[in-house]
Amino acid sequence: MPDFIENNISAFDQIIKIFEEDVKEDLEQEAKDLKKRLERVIDKYAKTYNLETQNDVNPIKYYSLKHRIKVIVSLKEKLVRKNDGFKIIAASEI
């Protein structure tokens, strides 16, 4: 049983390493790009759907968009809690 646990810990560490080195930066850039595209669409229709108003100087928006990419600690916890780590291990050669 200890070999099973050690092997899974090692595999989880590999998943986290791949995320940190290869995936996280790409996800961050994609999230920023998607946010910009969504903002353009929402801004285009904001007045039509009463999502903004105008004061004396500037428009006031009733919305904002945010994004986040999971931090490593949160990712590790989710891999264990939802068994996602085991699914990734089973589906890959890790």
PDB file of N, CA and C in Angstrom:
ATOM      1  N   MET A   1       0.814  -1.206   0.000  1.00  0.00           N
ATOM      2  CA  MET A   1       0.000   0.000   0.000  1.00  0.00           C
ATOM      3  C   MET A   1       0.856   1.268   0.000  1.00  0.00           C
ATOM      4  N   PRO A   2       1.956   1.314   0.764  1.00  0.00           N
ATOM      5  CA  PRO A   2       2.785   2.525   0.732  1.00  0.00           C
ATOM      6  C   PRO A   2       3.329   2.833  -0.667  1.00  0.00           C
ATOM      7  N   ASP A   3       3.612   1.785  -1.493  1.00  0.00           N
ATOM      8  CA  ASP A   3       4.082   2.037  -2.855  1.00  0.00           C
ATOM      9  C   ASP A   3       3.005   2.722  -3.682  1.00  0.00           C
ATOM     10  N   PHE A   4       1.758   2.318  -3.515  1.00  0.00           N
ATOM     11  CA  PHE A   4       0.631   2.924  -4.222  1.00  0.00           C
ATOM     12  C   PHE A   4       0.532   4.410  -3.876  1.00  0.00           C
ATOM     13  N   ILE A   5       0.617   4.701  -2.588  1.00  0.00           N
ATOM     14  CA  ILE A   5       0.531   6.094  -2.130  1.00  0.00           C
ATOM     15  C   ILE A   5       1.708   6.895  -2.657  1.00  0.00           C
ATOM     16  N   GLU A   6       2.907   6.356  -2.532  1.00  0.00           N
ATOM     17  CA  GLU A   6       4.109   7.060  -3.007  1.00  0.00           C
ATOM     18  C   GLU A   6       4.041   7.296  -4.520  1.00  0.00           C
ATOM     19  N   ASN A   7       3.580   6.311  -5.270  1.00  0.00           N
ATOM     20  CA  ASN A   7       3.465   6.460  -6.726  1.00  0.00           C
ATOM     21  C   ASN A   7       2.459   7.544  -7.095  1.00  0.00           C
ATOM     22  N   ASN A   8       1.344   7.587  -6.374  1.00  0.00           N
ATOM     23  CA  ASN A   8       0.333   8.609  -6.658  1.00  0.00           C
ATOM     24  C   ASN A   8       0.813   9.995  -6.259  1.00  0.00           C
ATOM     25  N   ILE A   9       1.515  10.100  -5.155  1.00  0.00           N
ATOM     26  CA  ILE A   9       2.080  11.399  -4.758  1.00  0.00           C
ATOM     27  C   ILE A   9       3.062  11.866  -5.821  1.00  0.00           C
ATOM     28  N   SER A  10       3.886  10.951  -6.290  1.00  0.00           N
ATOM     29  CA  SER A  10       4.844  11.285  -7.346  1.00  0.00           C
ATOM     30  C   SER A  10       4.129  11.730  -8.620  1.00  0.00           C
ATOM     31  N   ALA A  11       3.067  11.023  -8.987  1.00  0.00           N
ATOM     32  CA  ALA A  11       2.300  11.385 -10.189  1.00  0.00           C
ATOM     33  C   ALA A  11       1.632  12.744 -10.014  1.00  0.00           C
ATOM     34  N   PHE A  12       1.062  13.003  -8.833  1.00  0.00           N
ATOM     35  CA  PHE A  12       0.443  14.307  -8.563  1.00  0.00           C
ATOM     36  C   PHE A  12       1.498  15.409  -8.678  1.00  0.00           C
ATOM     37  N   ASP A  13       2.687  15.153  -8.159  1.00  0.00           N
ATOM     38  CA  ASP A  13       3.762  16.143  -8.254  1.00  0.00           C
ATOM     39  C   ASP A  13       4.116  16.424  -9.713  1.00  0.00           C
ATOM     40  N   GLN A  14       4.091  15.386 -10.552  1.00  0.00           N
ATOM     41  CA  GLN A  14       4.357  15.577 -11.973  1.00  0.00           C
ATOM     42  C   GLN A  14       3.260  16.420 -12.624  1.00  0.00           C
ATOM     43  N   ILE A  15       2.014  16.168 -12.267  1.00  0.00           N
ATOM     44  CA  ILE A  15       0.896  16.957 -12.807  1.00  0.00           C
ATOM     45  C   ILE A  15       1.083  18.426 -12.432  1.00  0.00           C
ATOM     46  N   ILE A  16       1.404  18.691 -11.185  1.00  0.00           N
ATOM     47  CA  ILE A  16       1.605  20.063 -10.711  1.00  0.00           C
ATOM     48  C   ILE A  16       2.781  20.705 -11.437  1.00  0.00           C
ATOM     49  N   LYS A  17       3.853  19.954 -11.633  1.00  0.00           N
ATOM     50  CA  LYS A  17       5.027  20.490 -12.333  1.00  0.00           C
ATOM     51  C   LYS A  17       4.667  20.862 -13.775  1.00  0.00           C
ATOM     52  N   ILE A  18       3.932  19.999 -14.457  1.00  0.00           N
ATOM     53  CA  ILE A  18       3.506  20.295 -15.831  1.00  0.00           C
ATOM     54  C   ILE A  18       2.633  21.542 -15.835  1.00  0.00           C
ATOM     55  N   PHE A  19       1.713  21.634 -14.881  1.00  0.00           N
ATOM     56  CA  PHE A  19       0.849  22.813 -14.788  1.00  0.00           C
ATOM     57  C   PHE A  19       1.677  24.077 -14.610  1.00  0.00           C
ATOM     58  N   GLU A  20       2.622  24.046 -13.670  1.00  0.00           N
ATOM     59  CA  GLU A  20       3.432  25.236 -13.384  1.00  0.00           C
ATOM     60  C   GLU A  20       4.323  25.624 -14.557  1.00  0.00           C
ATOM     61  N   GLU A  21       4.940  24.641 -15.209  1.00  0.00           N
ATOM     62  CA  GLU A  21       5.938  24.940 -16.228  1.00  0.00           C
ATOM     63  C   GLU A  21       5.358  25.135 -17.623  1.00  0.00           C
ATOM     64  N   ASP A  22       4.283  24.427 -17.938  1.00  0.00           N
ATOM     65  CA  ASP A  22       3.802  24.431 -19.319  1.00  0.00           C
ATOM     66  C   ASP A  22       2.411  25.031 -19.515  1.00  0.00           C
ATOM     67  N   VAL A  23       1.560  24.951 -18.522  1.00  0.00           N
ATOM     68  CA  VAL A  23       0.153  25.263 -18.737  1.00  0.00           C
ATOM     69  C   VAL A  23      -0.264  26.607 -18.139  1.00  0.00           C
ATOM     70  N   LYS A  24       0.180  26.913 -16.946  1.00  0.00           N
ATOM     71  CA  LYS A  24      -0.323  28.074 -16.212  1.00  0.00           C
ATOM     72  C   LYS A  24      -0.183  29.384 -16.986  1.00  0.00           C
ATOM     73  N   GLU A  25       0.963  29.621 -17.570  1.00  0.00           N
ATOM     74  CA  GLU A  25       1.188  30.870 -18.297  1.00  0.00           C
ATOM     75  C   GLU A  25       0.257  30.968 -19.513  1.00  0.00           C
ATOM     76  N   ASP A  26       0.083  29.854 -20.226  1.00  0.00           N
ATOM     77  CA  ASP A  26      -0.825  29.853 -21.371  1.00  0.00           C
ATOM     78  C   ASP A  26      -2.264  30.112 -20.937  1.00  0.00           C
ATOM     79  N   LEU A  27      -2.677  29.494 -19.839  1.00  0.00           N
ATOM     80  CA  LEU A  27      -4.030  29.720 -19.328  1.00  0.00           C
ATOM     81  C   LEU A  27      -4.238  31.176 -18.942  1.00  0.00           C
ATOM     82  N   GLU A  28      -3.241  31.757 -18.315  1.00  0.00           N
ATOM     83  CA  GLU A  28      -3.339  33.160 -17.900  1.00  0.00           C
ATOM     84  C   GLU A  28      -3.525  34.060 -19.124  1.00  0.00           C
ATOM     85  N   GLN A  29      -2.751  33.826 -20.170  1.00  0.00           N
ATOM     86  CA  GLN A  29      -2.862  34.638 -21.383  1.00  0.00           C
ATOM     87  C   GLN A  29      -4.216  34.438 -22.057  1.00  0.00           C
ATOM     88  N   GLU A  30      -4.677  33.202 -22.139  1.00  0.00           N
ATOM     89  CA  GLU A  30      -5.986  32.927 -22.734  1.00  0.00           C
ATOM     90  C   GLU A  30      -7.106  33.587 -21.940  1.00  0.00           C
ATOM     91  N   ALA A  31      -6.997  33.561 -20.612  1.00  0.00           N
ATOM     92  CA  ALA A  31      -8.014  34.198 -19.762  1.00  0.00           C
ATOM     93  C   ALA A  31      -8.042  35.705 -19.991  1.00  0.00           C
ATOM     94  N   LYS A  32      -6.874  36.320 -20.100  1.00  0.00           N
ATOM     95  CA  LYS A  32      -6.813  37.762 -20.360  1.00  0.00           C
ATOM     96  C   LYS A  32      -7.426  38.097 -21.716  1.00  0.00           C
ATOM     97  N   ASP A  33      -7.103  37.293 -22.724  1.00  0.00           N
ATOM     98  CA  ASP A  33      -7.647  37.531 -24.065  1.00  0.00           C
ATOM     99  C   ASP A  33      -9.167  37.362 -24.084  1.00  0.00           C
ATOM    100  N   LEU A  34      -9.651  36.322 -23.443  1.00  0.00           N
ATOM    101  CA  LEU A  34     -11.094  36.081 -23.381  1.00  0.00           C
ATOM    102  C   LEU A  34     -11.802  37.216 -22.649  1.00  0.00           C
ATOM    103  N   LYS A  35     -11.213  37.680 -21.557  1.00  0.00           N
ATOM    104  CA  LYS A  35     -11.800  38.789 -20.807  1.00  0.00           C
ATOM    105  C   LYS A  35     -11.919  40.040 -21.686  1.00  0.00           C
ATOM    106  N   LYS A  36     -10.878  40.333 -22.446  1.00  0.00           N
ATOM    107  CA  LYS A  36     -10.925  41.496 -23.336  1.00  0.00           C
ATOM    108  C   LYS A  36     -12.020  41.357 -24.388  1.00  0.00           C
ATOM    109  N   ARG A  37     -12.134  40.165 -24.987  1.00  0.00           N
ATOM    110  CA  ARG A  37     -13.163  39.950 -26.001  1.00  0.00           C
ATOM    111  C   ARG A  37     -14.558  40.094 -25.404  1.00  0.00           C
ATOM    112  N   LEU A  38     -14.771  39.515 -24.236  1.00  0.00           N
ATOM    113  CA  LEU A  38     -16.075  39.628 -23.580  1.00  0.00           C
ATOM    114  C   LEU A  38     -16.396  41.073 -23.219  1.00  0.00           C
ATOM    115  N   GLU A  39     -15.400  41.799 -22.736  1.00  0.00           N
ATOM    116  CA  GLU A  39     -15.620  43.207 -22.391  1.00  0.00           C
ATOM    117  C   GLU A  39     -16.043  44.011 -23.613  1.00  0.00           C
ATOM    118  N   ARG A  40     -15.420  43.736 -24.763  1.00  0.00           N
ATOM    119  CA  ARG A  40     -15.800  44.456 -25.986  1.00  0.00           C
ATOM    120  C   ARG A  40     -17.259  44.181 -26.350  1.00  0.00           C
ATOM    121  N   VAL A  41     -17.677  42.939 -26.253  1.00  0.00           N
ATOM    122  CA  VAL A  41     -19.060  42.588 -26.587  1.00  0.00           C
ATOM    123  C   VAL A  41     -20.026  43.232 -25.601  1.00  0.00           C
ATOM    124  N   ILE A  42     -19.728  43.110 -24.308  1.00  0.00           N
ATOM    125  CA  ILE A  42     -20.617  43.687 -23.293  1.00  0.00           C
ATOM    126  C   ILE A  42     -20.656  45.204 -23.408  1.00  0.00           C
ATOM    127  N   ASP A  43     -19.494  45.829 -23.618  1.00  0.00           N
ATOM    128  CA  ASP A  43     -19.460  47.285 -23.774  1.00  0.00           C
ATOM    129  C   ASP A  43     -20.307  47.739 -24.960  1.00  0.00           C
ATOM    130  N   LYS A  44     -20.297  46.953 -26.024  1.00  0.00           N
ATOM    131  CA  LYS A  44     -21.061  47.299 -27.220  1.00  0.00           C
ATOM    132  C   LYS A  44     -22.561  47.374 -26.932  1.00  0.00           C
ATOM    133  N   TYR A  45     -23.055  46.504 -26.058  1.00  0.00           N
ATOM    134  CA  TYR A  45     -24.484  46.439 -25.767  1.00  0.00           C
ATOM    135  C   TYR A  45     -24.866  46.979 -24.381  1.00  0.00           C
ATOM    136  N   ALA A  46     -23.927  47.561 -23.687  1.00  0.00           N
ATOM    137  CA  ALA A  46     -24.176  48.005 -22.312  1.00  0.00           C
ATOM    138  C   ALA A  46     -25.318  49.013 -22.210  1.00  0.00           C
ATOM    139  N   LYS A  47     -25.352  49.989 -23.076  1.00  0.00           N
ATOM    140  CA  LYS A  47     -26.426  50.996 -23.014  1.00  0.00           C
ATOM    141  C   LYS A  47     -27.775  50.379 -23.386  1.00  0.00           C
ATOM    142  N   THR A  48     -27.778  49.528 -24.386  1.00  0.00           N
ATOM    143  CA  THR A  48     -29.020  48.886 -24.828  1.00  0.00           C
ATOM    144  C   THR A  48     -29.685  48.116 -23.687  1.00  0.00           C
ATOM    145  N   TYR A  49     -28.885  47.444 -22.889  1.00  0.00           N
ATOM    146  CA  TYR A  49     -29.417  46.601 -21.812  1.00  0.00           C
ATOM    147  C   TYR A  49     -29.268  47.244 -20.427  1.00  0.00           C
ATOM    148  N   ASN A  50     -29.087  48.557 -20.412  1.00  0.00           N
ATOM    149  CA  ASN A  50     -28.991  49.325 -19.167  1.00  0.00           C
ATOM    150  C   ASN A  50     -27.919  48.792 -18.214  1.00  0.00           C
ATOM    151  N   LEU A  51     -26.763  48.491 -18.770  1.00  0.00           N
ATOM    152  CA  LEU A  51     -25.639  48.025 -17.952  1.00  0.00           C
ATOM    153  C   LEU A  51     -24.674  49.152 -17.604  1.00  0.00           C
ATOM    154  N   GLU A  52     -25.015  50.361 -18.053  1.00  0.00           N
ATOM    155  CA  GLU A  52     -24.210  51.524 -17.692  1.00  0.00           C
ATOM    156  C   GLU A  52     -25.080  52.767 -17.704  1.00  0.00           C
ATOM    157  N   THR A  53     -24.592  53.769 -17.033  1.00  0.00           N
ATOM    158  CA  THR A  53     -25.265  55.057 -17.016  1.00  0.00           C
ATOM    159  C   THR A  53     -24.207  56.134 -17.216  1.00  0.00           C
ATOM    160  N   GLN A  54     -24.617  57.349 -17.356  1.00  0.00           N
ATOM    161  CA  GLN A  54     -23.676  58.444 -17.590  1.00  0.00           C
ATOM    162  C   GLN A  54     -23.828  59.468 -16.478  1.00  0.00           C
ATOM    163  N   ASN A  55     -22.716  59.825 -15.847  1.00  0.00           N
ATOM    164  CA  ASN A  55     -22.778  60.966 -14.932  1.00  0.00           C
ATOM    165  C   ASN A  55     -22.301  62.192 -15.694  1.00  0.00           C
ATOM    166  N   ASP A  56     -21.966  63.249 -15.007  1.00  0.00           N
ATOM    167  CA  ASP A  56     -21.572  64.485 -15.686  1.00  0.00           C
ATOM    168  C   ASP A  56     -20.290  64.336 -16.506  1.00  0.00           C
ATOM    169  N   VAL A  57     -19.426  63.426 -16.100  1.00  0.00           N
ATOM    170  CA  VAL A  57     -18.122  63.333 -16.757  1.00  0.00           C
ATOM    171  C   VAL A  57     -17.899  61.982 -17.449  1.00  0.00           C
ATOM    172  N   ASN A  58     -18.167  60.899 -16.754  1.00  0.00           N
ATOM    173  CA  ASN A  58     -17.797  59.573 -17.256  1.00  0.00           C
ATOM    174  C   ASN A  58     -18.971  58.600 -17.230  1.00  0.00           C
ATOM    175  N   PRO A  59     -18.866  57.579 -18.084  1.00  0.00           N
ATOM    176  CA  PRO A  59     -19.869  56.520 -17.970  1.00  0.00           C
ATOM    177  C   PRO A  59     -19.612  55.683 -16.708  1.00  0.00           C
ATOM    178  N   ILE A  60     -20.678  55.196 -16.110  1.00  0.00           N
ATOM    179  CA  ILE A  60     -20.569  54.340 -14.944  1.00  0.00           C
ATOM    180  C   ILE A  60     -21.091  52.966 -15.337  1.00  0.00           C
ATOM    181  N   LYS A  61     -20.223  51.970 -15.267  1.00  0.00           N
ATOM    182  CA  LYS A  61     -20.599  50.611 -15.644  1.00  0.00           C
ATOM    183  C   LYS A  61     -21.122  49.865 -14.423  1.00  0.00           C
ATOM    184  N   TYR A  62     -22.170  49.085 -14.638  1.00  0.00           N
ATOM    185  CA  TYR A  62     -22.745  48.280 -13.571  1.00  0.00           C
ATOM    186  C   TYR A  62     -22.190  46.857 -13.583  1.00  0.00           C
ATOM    187  N   TYR A  63     -21.102  46.655 -14.235  1.00  0.00           N
ATOM    188  CA  TYR A  63     -20.525  45.324 -14.348  1.00  0.00           C
ATOM    189  C   TYR A  63     -19.007  45.410 -14.360  1.00  0.00           C
ATOM    190  N   SER A  64     -18.376  44.310 -14.056  1.00  0.00           N
ATOM    191  CA  SER A  64     -16.931  44.162 -14.219  1.00  0.00           C
ATOM    192  C   SER A  64     -16.644  42.675 -14.408  1.00  0.00           C
ATOM    193  N   LEU A  65     -15.601  42.384 -15.106  1.00  0.00           N
ATOM    194  CA  LEU A  65     -15.208  40.999 -15.341  1.00  0.00           C
ATOM    195  C   LEU A  65     -13.873  40.737 -14.666  1.00  0.00           C
ATOM    196  N   LYS A  66     -13.773  39.586 -14.060  1.00  0.00           N
ATOM    197  CA  LYS A  66     -12.525  39.175 -13.427  1.00  0.00           C
ATOM    198  C   LYS A  66     -12.252  37.737 -13.830  1.00  0.00           C
ATOM    199  N   HIS A  67     -11.013  37.341 -13.714  1.00  0.00           N
ATOM    200  CA  HIS A  67     -10.642  35.958 -13.966  1.00  0.00           C
ATOM    201  C   HIS A  67      -9.597  35.529 -12.955  1.00  0.00           C
ATOM    202  N   ARG A  68      -9.437  34.236 -12.836  1.00  0.00           N
ATOM    203  CA  ARG A  68      -8.378  33.726 -11.983  1.00  0.00           C
ATOM    204  C   ARG A  68      -7.957  32.361 -12.483  1.00  0.00           C
ATOM    205  N   ILE A  69      -6.732  32.044 -12.247  1.00  0.00           N
ATOM    206  CA  ILE A  69      -6.183  30.726 -12.514  1.00  0.00           C
ATOM    207  C   ILE A  69      -5.848  30.142 -11.150  1.00  0.00           C
ATOM    208  N   LYS A  70      -6.234  28.908 -10.928  1.00  0.00           N
ATOM    209  CA  LYS A  70      -6.033  28.294  -9.618  1.00  0.00           C
ATOM    210  C   LYS A  70      -4.588  28.400  -9.158  1.00  0.00           C
ATOM    211  N   VAL A  71      -4.421  28.685  -7.875  1.00  0.00           N
ATOM    212  CA  VAL A  71      -3.089  28.641  -7.278  1.00  0.00           C
ATOM    213  C   VAL A  71      -2.745  27.179  -7.022  1.00  0.00           C
ATOM    214  N   ILE A  72      -1.470  26.881  -6.889  1.00  0.00           N
ATOM    215  CA  ILE A  72      -0.993  25.504  -6.788  1.00  0.00           C
ATOM    216  C   ILE A  72      -1.636  24.761  -5.618  1.00  0.00           C
ATOM    217  N   VAL A  73      -1.724  25.384  -4.463  1.00  0.00           N
ATOM    218  CA  VAL A  73      -2.308  24.720  -3.288  1.00  0.00           C
ATOM    219  C   VAL A  73      -3.751  24.325  -3.566  1.00  0.00           C
ATOM    220  N   SER A  74      -4.499  25.225  -4.176  1.00  0.00           N
ATOM    221  CA  SER A  74      -5.897  24.955  -4.499  1.00  0.00           C
ATOM    222  C   SER A  74      -6.018  23.847  -5.548  1.00  0.00           C
ATOM    223  N   LEU A  75      -5.117  23.856  -6.518  1.00  0.00           N
ATOM    224  CA  LEU A  75      -5.128  22.815  -7.541  1.00  0.00           C
ATOM    225  C   LEU A  75      -4.847  21.445  -6.925  1.00  0.00           C
ATOM    226  N   LYS A  76      -3.846  21.368  -6.057  1.00  0.00           N
ATOM    227  CA  LYS A  76      -3.528  20.091  -5.394  1.00  0.00           C
ATOM    228  C   LYS A  76      -4.734  19.578  -4.609  1.00  0.00           C
ATOM    229  N   GLU A  77      -5.371  20.461  -3.865  1.00  0.00           N
ATOM    230  CA  GLU A  77      -6.529  20.067  -3.063  1.00  0.00           C
ATOM    231  C   GLU A  77      -7.644  19.541  -3.956  1.00  0.00           C
ATOM    232  N   LYS A  78      -7.884  20.205  -5.080  1.00  0.00           N
ATOM    233  CA  LYS A  78      -8.952  19.778  -5.978  1.00  0.00           C
ATOM    234  C   LYS A  78      -8.627  18.442  -6.643  1.00  0.00           C
ATOM    235  N   LEU A  79      -7.374  18.244  -6.990  1.00  0.00           N
ATOM    236  CA  LEU A  79      -6.979  16.973  -7.598  1.00  0.00           C
ATOM    237  C   LEU A  79      -7.309  15.803  -6.679  1.00  0.00           C
ATOM    238  N   VAL A  80      -7.128  16.009  -5.384  1.00  0.00           N
ATOM    239  CA  VAL A  80      -7.409  14.951  -4.416  1.00  0.00           C
ATOM    240  C   VAL A  80      -8.906  14.883  -4.121  1.00  0.00           C
ATOM    241  N   ARG A  81      -9.522  16.011  -3.814  1.00  0.00           N
ATOM    242  CA  ARG A  81     -10.928  16.049  -3.382  1.00  0.00           C
ATOM    243  C   ARG A  81     -11.878  15.488  -4.435  1.00  0.00           C
ATOM    244  N   LYS A  82     -11.658  15.816  -5.682  1.00  0.00           N
ATOM    245  CA  LYS A  82     -12.581  15.383  -6.734  1.00  0.00           C
ATOM    246  C   LYS A  82     -12.058  14.180  -7.513  1.00  0.00           C
ATOM    247  N   ASN A  83     -10.978  13.600  -7.036  1.00  0.00           N
ATOM    248  CA  ASN A  83     -10.345  12.464  -7.717  1.00  0.00           C
ATOM    249  C   ASN A  83      -9.881  12.810  -9.130  1.00  0.00           C
ATOM    250  N   ASP A  84      -9.757  14.075  -9.444  1.00  0.00           N
ATOM    251  CA  ASP A  84      -9.308  14.477 -10.775  1.00  0.00           C
ATOM    252  C   ASP A  84      -7.878  14.032 -11.039  1.00  0.00           C
ATOM    253  N   GLY A  85      -7.071  14.048 -10.008  1.00  0.00           N
ATOM    254  CA  GLY A  85      -5.685  13.604 -10.164  1.00  0.00           C
ATOM    255  C   GLY A  85      -5.608  12.166 -10.626  1.00  0.00           C
ATOM    256  N   PHE A  86      -6.433  11.310 -10.040  1.00  0.00           N
ATOM    257  CA  PHE A  86      -6.452   9.902 -10.434  1.00  0.00           C
ATOM    258  C   PHE A  86      -6.965   9.732 -11.862  1.00  0.00           C
ATOM    259  N   LYS A  87      -7.925  10.552 -12.246  1.00  0.00           N
ATOM    260  CA  LYS A  87      -8.451  10.499 -13.615  1.00  0.00           C
ATOM    261  C   LYS A  87      -7.363  10.899 -14.611  1.00  0.00           C
ATOM    262  N   ILE A  88      -6.598  11.928 -14.278  1.00  0.00           N
ATOM    263  CA  ILE A  88      -5.513  12.382 -15.158  1.00  0.00           C
ATOM    264  C   ILE A  88      -4.450  11.291 -15.252  1.00  0.00           C
ATOM    265  N   ILE A  89      -4.112  10.703 -14.108  1.00  0.00           N
ATOM    266  CA  ILE A  89      -3.104   9.637 -14.105  1.00  0.00           C
ATOM    267  C   ILE A  89      -3.574   8.461 -14.964  1.00  0.00           C
ATOM    268  N   ALA A  90      -4.823   8.094 -14.827  1.00  0.00           N
ATOM    269  CA  ALA A  90      -5.370   6.957 -15.574  1.00  0.00           C
ATOM    270  C   ALA A  90      -5.417   7.239 -17.074  1.00  0.00           C
ATOM    271  N   ALA A  91      -5.657   8.490 -17.452  1.00  0.00           N
ATOM    272  CA  ALA A  91      -5.806   8.845 -18.858  1.00  0.00           C
ATOM    273  C   ALA A  91      -4.482   9.181 -19.544  1.00  0.00           C
ATOM    274  N   SER A  92      -3.412   9.275 -18.762  1.00  0.00           N
ATOM    275  CA  SER A  92      -2.127   9.674 -19.346  1.00  0.00           C
ATOM    276  C   SER A  92      -1.065   8.631 -19.025  1.00  0.00           C
ATOM    277  N   GLU A  93       0.136   8.983 -19.401  1.00  0.00           N
ATOM    278  CA  GLU A  93       1.258   8.079 -19.159  1.00  0.00           C
ATOM    279  C   GLU A  93       2.061   8.514 -17.940  1.00  0.00           C
ATOM    280  N   ILE A  94       1.471   9.285 -17.065  1.00  0.00           N
ATOM    281  CA  ILE A  94       2.167   9.760 -15.863  1.00  0.00           C
ATOM    282  C   ILE A  94       2.270   8.614 -14.875  1.00  0.00           C
TER     283      ILE A  94
END
